[in-house]
Amino acid sequence: MEKVKCAVVGVGIFGEIHVSAYKSYEKAELVKICDINEQRAKEISKKYNVEYTTDYKEIAQDKQIQVVSVATPDFAHKDIVVEMLKNGKDVLVEKPMATSISDAENMVEEAKRHNRILMTDFHNRFNPYIVQIKESFDRGEAGDISFMYARLSDRIDVPLKWFSWSGKSGPHWFLFPHIVDLVCWFAKSLPKKIFAVGKKGVLSSYGIDTYDSVTAILDFGKFYATVETSWVIPETWPAICDFYFKLEGSKGRLVVDFGEAITKISSDVKKELLFPFVIGDTPIENKPFGFAVLPIYHFVDCVILNKKPIVSPEDGLNNVRIIAKIVESIEKNKIVDF
């Protein structure tokens, strides 16, 4: 079988997972990587034995490359994605698809114009904990939705130490895409009205002008969902993220609590207690394992079979629209129509 030739643009923390996934998948061949940080590009190039460039247009113009993952910062997706689509590549883009509605619309339009596959990487749709309760819900075991609650927050070291661009994003753009997608996936519809509140202060004291926390109510008509996110969990908290999802139904309750499904590591050497998130991405015998790589494999399979991915271009676009409306509600301090 001829392998699908792949490339990755943006090889930071999550971009490296894409590199590892393509490198390990028997149906894929990683041809090239790209990062504007040449030192990082060289590091990943050497680690995975793959050619690198610092110019994404070099990848766009490489006719042998069929699939491109775009894992650049949240705000830096549109130009790269559009360039790849125009040059006949199928594109897997990290969430959020974009940080503006116009950018996301442009990307979807280009995918349609060039008849290319465009998928946003909502990898929690492949999370076995989430999939388990989704299958239960689809069988009718919880009945009709009464309300949903989803919380996804990070420790403060994520915006302070992981990225240099945190002020151009925020917990609403960095984390909300995951749980906004989840509630819409379960709802099988889009909200009709949105009301949100957001607070600033802690991160701005470090020179990062973005929200510390945001809470939004998404009104779907017959039921509603509350989504909550924060980027200011204390650095001493043992888990890097706080992830909880609940669906209350007319016949049952479905819950995923990642604070309970944990591994604990207590070390006198490091003088700390850690709760590592092992099911997302844990290398085993130098091969990636976990739900973070599954959507990447799925995307390659879709290209081979010429089938639609589980996440449509409109799913990514509507995700951006909802988060933009959440920001609008905060700024106007009022309920907004979707």
C-alpha atoms as a PDB file:
ATOM      1  CA  MET A   1       0.000   0.000   0.000  1.00  0.00           C
ATOM      2  CA  GLU A   2       1.281   3.437  -0.930  1.00  0.00           C
ATOM      3  CA  LYS A   3       1.597   5.634   2.135  1.00  0.00           C
ATOM      4  CA  VAL A   4       0.016   9.085   2.443  1.00  0.00           C
ATOM      5  CA  LYS A   5       2.757  11.711   2.400  1.00  0.00           C
ATOM      6  CA  CYS A   6       2.374  14.150   5.293  1.00  0.00           C
ATOM      7  CA  ALA A   7       3.861  17.323   6.749  1.00  0.00           C
ATOM      8  CA  VAL A   8       3.443  19.329   9.942  1.00  0.00           C
ATOM      9  CA  VAL A   9       3.562  23.123  10.227  1.00  0.00           C
ATOM     10  CA  GLY A  10       4.223  24.236  13.791  1.00  0.00           C
ATOM     11  CA  VAL A  11       6.136  21.698  15.882  1.00  0.00           C
ATOM     12  CA  GLY A  12       5.641  23.045  19.387  1.00  0.00           C
ATOM     13  CA  ILE A  13       4.189  21.038  22.261  1.00  0.00           C
ATOM     14  CA  PHE A  14       1.166  19.664  20.419  1.00  0.00           C
ATOM     15  CA  GLY A  15       2.682  19.890  16.968  1.00  0.00           C
ATOM     16  CA  GLU A  16       5.216  17.285  18.060  1.00  0.00           C
ATOM     17  CA  ILE A  17       2.320  14.899  18.752  1.00  0.00           C
ATOM     18  CA  HIS A  18       1.311  15.246  15.088  1.00  0.00           C
ATOM     19  CA  VAL A  19       4.906  14.550  14.063  1.00  0.00           C
ATOM     20  CA  SER A  20       5.037  11.471  16.273  1.00  0.00           C
ATOM     21  CA  ALA A  21       1.650  10.244  14.998  1.00  0.00           C
ATOM     22  CA  TYR A  22       2.581  10.494  11.314  1.00  0.00           C
ATOM     23  CA  LYS A  23       5.967   8.954  12.001  1.00  0.00           C
ATOM     24  CA  SER A  24       4.404   5.968  13.772  1.00  0.00           C
ATOM     25  CA  TYR A  25       1.357   5.306  11.552  1.00  0.00           C
ATOM     26  CA  GLU A  26       1.879   2.543   9.008  1.00  0.00           C
ATOM     27  CA  LYS A  27      -0.359   4.310   6.474  1.00  0.00           C
ATOM     28  CA  ALA A  28       1.547   7.626   6.657  1.00  0.00           C
ATOM     29  CA  GLU A  29       4.964   8.894   5.625  1.00  0.00           C
ATOM     30  CA  LEU A  30       6.230  12.075   7.295  1.00  0.00           C
ATOM     31  CA  VAL A  31       8.013  14.016   4.567  1.00  0.00           C
ATOM     32  CA  LYS A  32       8.768  17.399   6.122  1.00  0.00           C
ATOM     33  CA  ILE A  33       8.188  19.641   9.135  1.00  0.00           C
ATOM     34  CA  CYS A  34       8.116  23.418   9.437  1.00  0.00           C
ATOM     35  CA  ASP A  35       8.554  25.914  12.253  1.00  0.00           C
ATOM     36  CA  ILE A  36       9.574  29.582  12.210  1.00  0.00           C
ATOM     37  CA  ASN A  37      11.789  28.818  15.223  1.00  0.00           C
ATOM     38  CA  GLU A  38      14.719  27.201  13.430  1.00  0.00           C
ATOM     39  CA  GLN A  39      16.252  25.891  16.652  1.00  0.00           C
ATOM     40  CA  ARG A  40      13.030  24.019  17.463  1.00  0.00           C
ATOM     41  CA  ALA A  41      12.702  22.832  13.850  1.00  0.00           C
ATOM     42  CA  LYS A  42      16.242  21.440  13.944  1.00  0.00           C
ATOM     43  CA  GLU A  43      15.579  19.725  17.276  1.00  0.00           C
ATOM     44  CA  ILE A  44      12.467  17.935  16.015  1.00  0.00           C
ATOM     45  CA  SER A  45      14.107  17.206  12.665  1.00  0.00           C
ATOM     46  CA  LYS A  46      16.956  15.415  14.392  1.00  0.00           C
ATOM     47  CA  LYS A  47      14.731  13.620  16.900  1.00  0.00           C
ATOM     48  CA  TYR A  48      12.406  12.179  14.234  1.00  0.00           C
ATOM     49  CA  ASN A  49      14.857  12.004  11.328  1.00  0.00           C
ATOM     50  CA  VAL A  50      12.823  14.205   9.010  1.00  0.00           C
ATOM     51  CA  GLU A  51      13.618  17.151   6.732  1.00  0.00           C
ATOM     52  CA  TYR A  52      12.737  20.630   8.029  1.00  0.00           C
ATOM     53  CA  THR A  53      12.080  24.135   6.715  1.00  0.00           C
ATOM     54  CA  THR A  54      11.204  27.488   8.261  1.00  0.00           C
ATOM     55  CA  ASP A  55       8.981  28.538   5.344  1.00  0.00           C
ATOM     56  CA  TYR A  56       5.501  26.969   5.215  1.00  0.00           C
ATOM     57  CA  LYS A  57       5.162  27.912   1.538  1.00  0.00           C
ATOM     58  CA  GLU A  58       7.894  25.395   0.776  1.00  0.00           C
ATOM     59  CA  ILE A  59       5.571  22.678   2.085  1.00  0.00           C
ATOM     60  CA  ALA A  60       2.600  24.131   0.186  1.00  0.00           C
ATOM     61  CA  GLN A  61       4.558  23.995  -3.073  1.00  0.00           C
ATOM     62  CA  ASP A  62       5.867  20.456  -2.533  1.00  0.00           C
ATOM     63  CA  LYS A  63       3.669  18.444  -4.889  1.00  0.00           C
ATOM     64  CA  GLN A  64       4.369  15.088  -3.241  1.00  0.00           C
ATOM     65  CA  ILE A  65       2.851  16.177   0.098  1.00  0.00           C
ATOM     66  CA  GLN A  66      -0.850  15.273   0.361  1.00  0.00           C
ATOM     67  CA  VAL A  67      -1.710  15.973   4.001  1.00  0.00           C
ATOM     68  CA  VAL A  68      -0.665  18.854   6.239  1.00  0.00           C
ATOM     69  CA  SER A  69      -1.246  19.329   9.951  1.00  0.00           C
ATOM     70  CA  VAL A  70      -1.307  22.968  11.035  1.00  0.00           C
ATOM     71  CA  ALA A  71      -0.408  23.256  14.715  1.00  0.00           C
ATOM     72  CA  THR A  72       0.737  26.869  14.902  1.00  0.00           C
ATOM     73  CA  PRO A  73      -0.526  29.238  17.667  1.00  0.00           C
ATOM     74  CA  ASP A  74      -4.305  29.742  17.921  1.00  0.00           C
ATOM     75  CA  PHE A  75      -4.324  33.039  16.009  1.00  0.00           C
ATOM     76  CA  ALA A  76      -1.923  31.903  13.255  1.00  0.00           C
ATOM     77  CA  HIS A  77      -3.911  29.293  11.334  1.00  0.00           C
ATOM     78  CA  LYS A  78      -5.744  31.022   8.497  1.00  0.00           C
ATOM     79  CA  ASP A  79      -2.960  32.054   6.101  1.00  0.00           C
ATOM     80  CA  ILE A  80      -1.199  28.703   6.376  1.00  0.00           C
ATOM     81  CA  VAL A  81      -4.378  26.630   6.017  1.00  0.00           C
ATOM     82  CA  VAL A  82      -5.560  28.634   2.995  1.00  0.00           C
ATOM     83  CA  GLU A  83      -2.160  28.318   1.324  1.00  0.00           C
ATOM     84  CA  MET A  84      -2.211  24.542   1.795  1.00  0.00           C
ATOM     85  CA  LEU A  85      -5.767  24.205   0.474  1.00  0.00           C
ATOM     86  CA  LYS A  86      -4.975  26.318  -2.580  1.00  0.00           C
ATOM     87  CA  ASN A  87      -2.090  23.994  -3.333  1.00  0.00           C
ATOM     88  CA  GLY A  88      -4.239  20.874  -3.204  1.00  0.00           C
ATOM     89  CA  LYS A  89      -3.450  19.652   0.316  1.00  0.00           C
ATOM     90  CA  ASP A  90      -5.935  18.117   2.740  1.00  0.00           C
ATOM     91  CA  VAL A  91      -5.592  19.898   6.072  1.00  0.00           C
ATOM     92  CA  LEU A  92      -5.947  18.925   9.715  1.00  0.00           C
ATOM     93  CA  VAL A  93      -5.893  22.105  11.812  1.00  0.00           C
ATOM     94  CA  GLU A  94      -5.525  22.310  15.554  1.00  0.00           C
ATOM     95  CA  LYS A  95      -8.368  23.793  17.546  1.00  0.00           C
ATOM     96  CA  PRO A  96      -9.578  26.479  17.453  1.00  0.00           C
ATOM     97  CA  MET A  97      -9.975  26.579  13.681  1.00  0.00           C
ATOM     98  CA  ALA A  98      -9.331  30.328  14.004  1.00  0.00           C
ATOM     99  CA  THR A  99      -9.788  33.154  16.491  1.00  0.00           C
ATOM    100  CA  SER A 100     -12.106  35.159  14.250  1.00  0.00           C
ATOM    101  CA  ILE A 101     -15.254  34.214  12.373  1.00  0.00           C
ATOM    102  CA  SER A 102     -14.010  35.777   9.130  1.00  0.00           C
ATOM    103  CA  ASP A 103     -10.802  33.705   9.196  1.00  0.00           C
ATOM    104  CA  ALA A 104     -12.734  30.491   9.832  1.00  0.00           C
ATOM    105  CA  GLU A 105     -15.235  31.290   7.075  1.00  0.00           C
ATOM    106  CA  ASN A 106     -12.382  31.948   4.663  1.00  0.00           C
ATOM    107  CA  MET A 107     -10.834  28.569   5.455  1.00  0.00           C
ATOM    108  CA  VAL A 108     -14.108  26.678   4.965  1.00  0.00           C
ATOM    109  CA  GLU A 109     -14.779  28.505   1.682  1.00  0.00           C
ATOM    110  CA  GLU A 110     -11.312  27.604   0.368  1.00  0.00           C
ATOM    111  CA  ALA A 111     -11.781  23.943   1.305  1.00  0.00           C
ATOM    112  CA  LYS A 112     -15.040  23.842  -0.661  1.00  0.00           C
ATOM    113  CA  ARG A 113     -13.590  25.795  -3.588  1.00  0.00           C
ATOM    114  CA  HIS A 114     -10.676  23.378  -3.978  1.00  0.00           C
ATOM    115  CA  ASN A 115     -12.626  20.261  -2.963  1.00  0.00           C
ATOM    116  CA  ARG A 116     -10.224  19.443  -0.145  1.00  0.00           C
ATOM    117  CA  ILE A 117     -10.754  17.810   3.246  1.00  0.00           C
ATOM    118  CA  LEU A 118     -10.546  20.249   6.168  1.00  0.00           C
ATOM    119  CA  MET A 119     -10.879  18.968   9.729  1.00  0.00           C
ATOM    120  CA  THR A 120     -10.448  20.663  13.096  1.00  0.00           C
ATOM    121  CA  ASP A 121      -8.701  18.466  15.661  1.00  0.00           C
ATOM    122  CA  PHE A 122     -11.356  18.051  18.353  1.00  0.00           C
ATOM    123  CA  HIS A 123      -9.538  15.089  19.815  1.00  0.00           C
ATOM    124  CA  ASN A 124     -11.899  14.594  22.755  1.00  0.00           C
ATOM    125  CA  ARG A 125     -14.358  13.036  20.297  1.00  0.00           C
ATOM    126  CA  PHE A 126     -11.844  10.174  20.315  1.00  0.00           C
ATOM    127  CA  ASN A 127     -11.380  10.166  24.101  1.00  0.00           C
ATOM    128  CA  PRO A 128     -12.496   6.700  25.321  1.00  0.00           C
ATOM    129  CA  TYR A 129     -14.101   8.153  28.454  1.00  0.00           C
ATOM    130  CA  ILE A 130     -16.190  10.573  26.388  1.00  0.00           C
ATOM    131  CA  VAL A 131     -16.961   8.010  23.678  1.00  0.00           C
ATOM    132  CA  GLN A 132     -18.240   5.587  26.347  1.00  0.00           C
ATOM    133  CA  ILE A 133     -20.871   8.003  27.660  1.00  0.00           C
ATOM    134  CA  LYS A 134     -21.725   9.242  24.151  1.00  0.00           C
ATOM    135  CA  GLU A 135     -22.584   5.683  23.128  1.00  0.00           C
ATOM    136  CA  SER A 136     -24.716   5.332  26.268  1.00  0.00           C
ATOM    137  CA  PHE A 137     -26.473   8.609  25.465  1.00  0.00           C
ATOM    138  CA  ASP A 138     -27.084   7.609  21.841  1.00  0.00           C
ATOM    139  CA  ARG A 139     -28.712   4.386  23.062  1.00  0.00           C
ATOM    140  CA  GLY A 140     -31.181   6.519  25.021  1.00  0.00           C
ATOM    141  CA  GLU A 141     -29.973   5.405  28.432  1.00  0.00           C
ATOM    142  CA  ALA A 142     -29.952   8.967  29.821  1.00  0.00           C
ATOM    143  CA  GLY A 143     -33.170  10.024  28.111  1.00  0.00           C
ATOM    144  CA  ASP A 144     -33.625  13.604  26.945  1.00  0.00           C
ATOM    145  CA  ILE A 145     -31.071  16.244  27.946  1.00  0.00           C
ATOM    146  CA  SER A 146     -32.106  18.497  30.838  1.00  0.00           C
ATOM    147  CA  PHE A 147     -28.794  20.325  31.081  1.00  0.00           C
ATOM    148  CA  MET A 148     -25.060  19.842  30.595  1.00  0.00           C
ATOM    149  CA  TYR A 149     -22.087  21.177  32.494  1.00  0.00           C
ATOM    150  CA  ALA A 150     -18.499  21.145  31.242  1.00  0.00           C
ATOM    151  CA  ARG A 151     -15.358  22.543  32.837  1.00  0.00           C
ATOM    152  CA  LEU A 152     -11.860  22.602  31.350  1.00  0.00           C
ATOM    153  CA  SER A 153      -9.178  24.711  33.012  1.00  0.00           C
ATOM    154  CA  ASP A 154      -5.380  24.836  33.119  1.00  0.00           C
ATOM    155  CA  ARG A 155      -2.785  25.688  35.703  1.00  0.00           C
ATOM    156  CA  ILE A 156      -1.379  29.195  35.469  1.00  0.00           C
ATOM    157  CA  ASP A 157       2.003  27.902  34.288  1.00  0.00           C
ATOM    158  CA  VAL A 158       0.405  27.102  30.909  1.00  0.00           C
ATOM    159  CA  PRO A 159      -0.128  30.774  29.932  1.00  0.00           C
ATOM    160  CA  LEU A 160       2.909  31.997  31.891  1.00  0.00           C
ATOM    161  CA  LYS A 161       5.531  29.453  30.831  1.00  0.00           C
ATOM    162  CA  TRP A 162       4.342  27.340  27.916  1.00  0.00           C
ATOM    163  CA  PHE A 163       3.690  30.049  25.348  1.00  0.00           C
ATOM    164  CA  SER A 164       4.972  33.484  24.384  1.00  0.00           C
ATOM    165  CA  TRP A 165       1.633  34.330  22.710  1.00  0.00           C
ATOM    166  CA  SER A 166      -0.841  33.783  25.575  1.00  0.00           C
ATOM    167  CA  GLY A 167      -2.070  37.385  25.343  1.00  0.00           C
ATOM    168  CA  LYS A 168      -3.231  36.719  21.781  1.00  0.00           C
ATOM    169  CA  SER A 169      -5.395  33.852  22.960  1.00  0.00           C
ATOM    170  CA  GLY A 170      -6.848  33.017  26.362  1.00  0.00           C
ATOM    171  CA  PRO A 171      -8.653  30.150  28.094  1.00  0.00           C
ATOM    172  CA  HIS A 172     -11.718  30.905  25.970  1.00  0.00           C
ATOM    173  CA  TRP A 173      -9.839  30.290  22.694  1.00  0.00           C
ATOM    174  CA  PHE A 174      -7.358  27.706  23.982  1.00  0.00           C
ATOM    175  CA  LEU A 175      -9.701  25.508  26.053  1.00  0.00           C
ATOM    176  CA  PHE A 176     -13.338  26.306  25.219  1.00  0.00           C
ATOM    177  CA  PRO A 177     -13.109  24.729  21.736  1.00  0.00           C
ATOM    178  CA  HIS A 178     -12.895  21.290  23.365  1.00  0.00           C
ATOM    179  CA  ILE A 179     -15.921  21.553  25.646  1.00  0.00           C
ATOM    180  CA  VAL A 180     -18.042  23.763  23.379  1.00  0.00           C
ATOM    181  CA  ASP A 181     -17.612  21.064  20.734  1.00  0.00           C
ATOM    182  CA  LEU A 182     -18.563  18.369  23.253  1.00  0.00           C
ATOM    183  CA  VAL A 183     -21.850  19.980  24.295  1.00  0.00           C
ATOM    184  CA  CYS A 184     -22.798  20.648  20.652  1.00  0.00           C
ATOM    185  CA  TRP A 185     -21.848  17.061  19.741  1.00  0.00           C
ATOM    186  CA  PHE A 186     -24.162  15.698  22.416  1.00  0.00           C
ATOM    187  CA  ALA A 187     -26.860  18.283  21.658  1.00  0.00           C
ATOM    188  CA  LYS A 188     -26.736  17.531  17.911  1.00  0.00           C
ATOM    189  CA  SER A 189     -27.658  21.179  17.465  1.00  0.00           C
ATOM    190  CA  LEU A 190     -26.393  24.727  18.022  1.00  0.00           C
ATOM    191  CA  PRO A 191     -27.362  27.137  20.804  1.00  0.00           C
ATOM    192  CA  LYS A 192     -30.038  29.760  20.210  1.00  0.00           C
ATOM    193  CA  LYS A 193     -28.887  32.278  22.833  1.00  0.00           C
ATOM    194  CA  ILE A 194     -25.669  32.845  24.774  1.00  0.00           C
ATOM    195  CA  PHE A 195     -24.840  34.697  27.969  1.00  0.00           C
ATOM    196  CA  ALA A 196     -21.321  34.889  29.381  1.00  0.00           C
ATOM    197  CA  VAL A 197     -19.185  36.578  32.001  1.00  0.00           C
ATOM    198  CA  GLY A 198     -15.406  36.859  32.082  1.00  0.00           C
ATOM    199  CA  LYS A 199     -12.907  38.259  34.557  1.00  0.00           C
ATOM    200  CA  LYS A 200      -9.412  39.694  34.150  1.00  0.00           C
ATOM    201  CA  GLY A 201      -6.784  40.650  36.701  1.00  0.00           C
ATOM    202  CA  VAL A 202      -4.370  37.853  37.577  1.00  0.00           C
ATOM    203  CA  LEU A 203      -2.882  37.302  34.127  1.00  0.00           C
ATOM    204  CA  SER A 204      -2.935  41.012  33.322  1.00  0.00           C
ATOM    205  CA  SER A 205      -0.728  41.557  36.392  1.00  0.00           C
ATOM    206  CA  TYR A 206       1.896  39.497  34.528  1.00  0.00           C
ATOM    207  CA  GLY A 207       1.448  41.588  31.376  1.00  0.00           C
ATOM    208  CA  ILE A 208      -0.850  39.071  29.653  1.00  0.00           C
ATOM    209  CA  ASP A 209      -4.006  40.881  28.549  1.00  0.00           C
ATOM    210  CA  THR A 210      -6.546  38.085  28.452  1.00  0.00           C
ATOM    211  CA  TYR A 211      -9.281  36.568  30.588  1.00  0.00           C
ATOM    212  CA  ASP A 212      -8.411  34.676  33.753  1.00  0.00           C
ATOM    213  CA  SER A 213     -11.729  32.841  33.607  1.00  0.00           C
ATOM    214  CA  VAL A 214     -14.904  32.697  31.534  1.00  0.00           C
ATOM    215  CA  THR A 215     -18.296  31.082  32.211  1.00  0.00           C
ATOM    216  CA  ALA A 216     -21.040  30.873  29.602  1.00  0.00           C
ATOM    217  CA  ILE A 217     -24.584  29.566  29.404  1.00  0.00           C
ATOM    218  CA  LEU A 218     -25.521  28.152  26.007  1.00  0.00           C
ATOM    219  CA  ASP A 219     -29.304  28.019  25.615  1.00  0.00           C
ATOM    220  CA  PHE A 220     -30.370  25.305  23.154  1.00  0.00           C
ATOM    221  CA  GLY A 221     -34.087  25.898  23.687  1.00  0.00           C
ATOM    222  CA  LYS A 222     -35.312  22.706  25.351  1.00  0.00           C
ATOM    223  CA  PHE A 223     -32.150  22.472  27.480  1.00  0.00           C
ATOM    224  CA  TYR A 224     -29.003  24.444  28.247  1.00  0.00           C
ATOM    225  CA  ALA A 225     -25.296  23.906  28.856  1.00  0.00           C
ATOM    226  CA  THR A 226     -22.938  25.746  31.189  1.00  0.00           C
ATOM    227  CA  VAL A 227     -19.301  25.829  30.112  1.00  0.00           C
ATOM    228  CA  GLU A 228     -16.502  27.085  32.319  1.00  0.00           C
ATOM    229  CA  THR A 229     -12.802  27.686  31.782  1.00  0.00           C
ATOM    230  CA  SER A 230      -9.865  29.216  33.640  1.00  0.00           C
ATOM    231  CA  TRP A 231      -6.167  29.799  33.115  1.00  0.00           C
ATOM    232  CA  VAL A 232      -5.280  30.613  36.720  1.00  0.00           C
ATOM    233  CA  ILE A 233      -5.346  27.329  38.661  1.00  0.00           C
ATOM    234  CA  PRO A 234      -2.405  27.556  41.106  1.00  0.00           C
ATOM    235  CA  GLU A 235       0.855  26.104  39.868  1.00  0.00           C
ATOM    236  CA  THR A 236       0.960  23.913  42.983  1.00  0.00           C
ATOM    237  CA  TRP A 237      -2.161  22.019  41.806  1.00  0.00           C
ATOM    238  CA  PRO A 238      -1.029  18.424  41.077  1.00  0.00           C
ATOM    239  CA  ALA A 239      -2.767  18.137  37.672  1.00  0.00           C
ATOM    240  CA  ILE A 240      -1.992  20.362  34.680  1.00  0.00           C
ATOM    241  CA  CYS A 241      -5.681  20.534  33.780  1.00  0.00           C
ATOM    242  CA  ASP A 242      -9.085  20.238  35.442  1.00  0.00           C
ATOM    243  CA  PHE A 243     -11.575  18.481  33.167  1.00  0.00           C
ATOM    244  CA  TYR A 244     -15.153  17.564  34.120  1.00  0.00           C
ATOM    245  CA  PHE A 245     -18.230  16.835  31.999  1.00  0.00           C
ATOM    246  CA  LYS A 246     -21.784  16.072  33.141  1.00  0.00           C
ATOM    247  CA  LEU A 247     -25.058  15.458  31.321  1.00  0.00           C
ATOM    248  CA  GLU A 248     -28.279  15.382  33.330  1.00  0.00           C
ATOM    249  CA  GLY A 249     -31.035  13.569  31.450  1.00  0.00           C
ATOM    250  CA  SER A 250     -34.669  12.670  31.969  1.00  0.00           C
ATOM    251  CA  LYS A 251     -33.676   9.041  32.636  1.00  0.00           C
ATOM    252  CA  GLY A 252     -30.112   9.223  33.893  1.00  0.00           C
ATOM    253  CA  ARG A 253     -26.859  11.066  34.503  1.00  0.00           C
ATOM    254  CA  LEU A 254     -23.595  10.762  32.552  1.00  0.00           C
ATOM    255  CA  VAL A 255     -20.341  11.990  34.099  1.00  0.00           C
ATOM    256  CA  VAL A 256     -16.675  12.033  33.147  1.00  0.00           C
ATOM    257  CA  ASP A 257     -14.397  13.319  35.914  1.00  0.00           C
ATOM    258  CA  PHE A 258     -10.743  13.356  34.978  1.00  0.00           C
ATOM    259  CA  GLY A 259      -9.915  14.396  38.533  1.00  0.00           C
ATOM    260  CA  GLU A 260     -10.894  10.886  39.606  1.00  0.00           C
ATOM    261  CA  ALA A 261      -9.550   8.845  36.678  1.00  0.00           C
ATOM    262  CA  ILE A 262      -5.939   9.599  37.515  1.00  0.00           C
ATOM    263  CA  THR A 263      -2.458   8.247  38.110  1.00  0.00           C
ATOM    264  CA  LYS A 264      -0.676   9.574  41.195  1.00  0.00           C
ATOM    265  CA  ILE A 265       3.080  10.070  41.421  1.00  0.00           C
ATOM    266  CA  SER A 266       4.540  11.150  44.772  1.00  0.00           C
ATOM    267  CA  SER A 267       8.257  11.845  44.798  1.00  0.00           C
ATOM    268  CA  ASP A 268      10.695  12.870  47.528  1.00  0.00           C
ATOM    269  CA  VAL A 269      13.141  13.687  44.747  1.00  0.00           C
ATOM    270  CA  LYS A 270      10.877  16.233  43.065  1.00  0.00           C
ATOM    271  CA  LYS A 271       9.139  17.202  46.346  1.00  0.00           C
ATOM    272  CA  GLU A 272       5.745  17.165  44.677  1.00  0.00           C
ATOM    273  CA  LEU A 273       2.613  15.137  44.021  1.00  0.00           C
ATOM    274  CA  LEU A 274       1.657  14.786  40.348  1.00  0.00           C
ATOM    275  CA  PHE A 275      -1.522  13.585  38.643  1.00  0.00           C
ATOM    276  CA  PRO A 276      -0.315  12.981  35.054  1.00  0.00           C
ATOM    277  CA  PHE A 277      -2.939  12.842  32.312  1.00  0.00           C
ATOM    278  CA  VAL A 278      -1.821   9.527  30.886  1.00  0.00           C
ATOM    279  CA  ILE A 279      -4.645   8.665  28.457  1.00  0.00           C
ATOM    280  CA  GLY A 280      -4.062  11.680  26.193  1.00  0.00           C
ATOM    281  CA  ASP A 281      -0.542  11.045  24.939  1.00  0.00           C
ATOM    282  CA  THR A 282       1.780   8.551  26.598  1.00  0.00           C
ATOM    283  CA  PRO A 283       4.598   7.047  24.498  1.00  0.00           C
ATOM    284  CA  ILE A 284       4.927   3.278  24.886  1.00  0.00           C
ATOM    285  CA  GLU A 285       8.070   1.706  23.405  1.00  0.00           C
ATOM    286  CA  ASN A 286       8.694   5.027  21.619  1.00  0.00           C
ATOM    287  CA  LYS A 287       5.283   4.907  19.935  1.00  0.00           C
ATOM    288  CA  PRO A 288       2.469   7.356  20.731  1.00  0.00           C
ATOM    289  CA  PHE A 289      -0.458   5.982  22.685  1.00  0.00           C
ATOM    290  CA  GLY A 290      -3.648   7.807  23.651  1.00  0.00           C
ATOM    291  CA  PHE A 291      -6.597   9.622  22.168  1.00  0.00           C
ATOM    292  CA  ALA A 292      -4.495  12.606  21.044  1.00  0.00           C
ATOM    293  CA  VAL A 293      -3.138  10.626  18.076  1.00  0.00           C
ATOM    294  CA  LEU A 294      -6.393   8.884  17.087  1.00  0.00           C
ATOM    295  CA  PRO A 295      -7.911  11.846  15.188  1.00  0.00           C
ATOM    296  CA  ILE A 296      -4.655  12.150  13.243  1.00  0.00           C
ATOM    297  CA  TYR A 297      -4.855   8.494  12.217  1.00  0.00           C
ATOM    298  CA  HIS A 298      -8.561   9.014  11.422  1.00  0.00           C
ATOM    299  CA  PHE A 299      -7.710  11.951   9.168  1.00  0.00           C
ATOM    300  CA  VAL A 300      -5.168   9.902   7.206  1.00  0.00           C
ATOM    301  CA  ASP A 301      -7.743   7.126   6.805  1.00  0.00           C
ATOM    302  CA  CYS A 302     -10.293   9.637   5.488  1.00  0.00           C
ATOM    303  CA  VAL A 303      -7.820  10.861   2.872  1.00  0.00           C
ATOM    304  CA  ILE A 304      -7.087   7.287   1.762  1.00  0.00           C
ATOM    305  CA  LEU A 305     -10.772   6.347   1.573  1.00  0.00           C
ATOM    306  CA  ASN A 306     -11.922   9.764   0.312  1.00  0.00           C
ATOM    307  CA  LYS A 307     -14.561   9.936   3.047  1.00  0.00           C
ATOM    308  CA  LYS A 308     -15.800  12.734   5.281  1.00  0.00           C
ATOM    309  CA  PRO A 309     -14.113  13.006   8.707  1.00  0.00           C
ATOM    310  CA  ILE A 310     -16.084  12.753  11.939  1.00  0.00           C
ATOM    311  CA  VAL A 311     -15.548  16.525  12.326  1.00  0.00           C
ATOM    312  CA  SER A 312     -16.934  18.585   9.440  1.00  0.00           C
ATOM    313  CA  PRO A 313     -15.582  21.987   8.338  1.00  0.00           C
ATOM    314  CA  GLU A 314     -18.857  23.510   9.607  1.00  0.00           C
ATOM    315  CA  ASP A 315     -18.244  21.971  13.054  1.00  0.00           C
ATOM    316  CA  GLY A 316     -14.981  23.904  13.280  1.00  0.00           C
ATOM    317  CA  LEU A 317     -16.580  27.094  11.948  1.00  0.00           C
ATOM    318  CA  ASN A 318     -19.570  26.946  14.305  1.00  0.00           C
ATOM    319  CA  ASN A 319     -17.214  26.346  17.218  1.00  0.00           C
ATOM    320  CA  VAL A 320     -15.452  29.617  16.387  1.00  0.00           C
ATOM    321  CA  ARG A 321     -18.803  31.403  15.973  1.00  0.00           C
ATOM    322  CA  ILE A 322     -19.986  30.284  19.417  1.00  0.00           C
ATOM    323  CA  ILE A 323     -16.802  31.375  21.175  1.00  0.00           C
ATOM    324  CA  ALA A 324     -16.873  34.725  19.351  1.00  0.00           C
ATOM    325  CA  LYS A 325     -20.464  35.166  20.570  1.00  0.00           C
ATOM    326  CA  ILE A 326     -19.337  34.329  24.112  1.00  0.00           C
ATOM    327  CA  VAL A 327     -16.797  37.150  23.886  1.00  0.00           C
ATOM    328  CA  GLU A 328     -19.472  39.461  22.463  1.00  0.00           C
ATOM    329  CA  SER A 329     -21.780  38.653  25.383  1.00  0.00           C
ATOM    330  CA  ILE A 330     -19.031  39.451  27.889  1.00  0.00           C
ATOM    331  CA  GLU A 331     -18.211  42.741  26.216  1.00  0.00           C
ATOM    332  CA  LYS A 332     -21.853  43.820  25.897  1.00  0.00           C
ATOM    333  CA  ASN A 333     -22.879  42.339  29.270  1.00  0.00           C
ATOM    334  CA  LYS A 334     -26.069  40.964  27.733  1.00  0.00           C
ATOM    335  CA  ILE A 335     -27.648  37.874  26.219  1.00  0.00           C
ATOM    336  CA  VAL A 336     -26.799  37.565  22.519  1.00  0.00           C
ATOM    337  CA  ASP A 337     -28.560  35.600  19.799  1.00  0.00           C
ATOM    338  CA  PHE A 338     -26.595  32.980  17.946  1.00  0.00           C
END
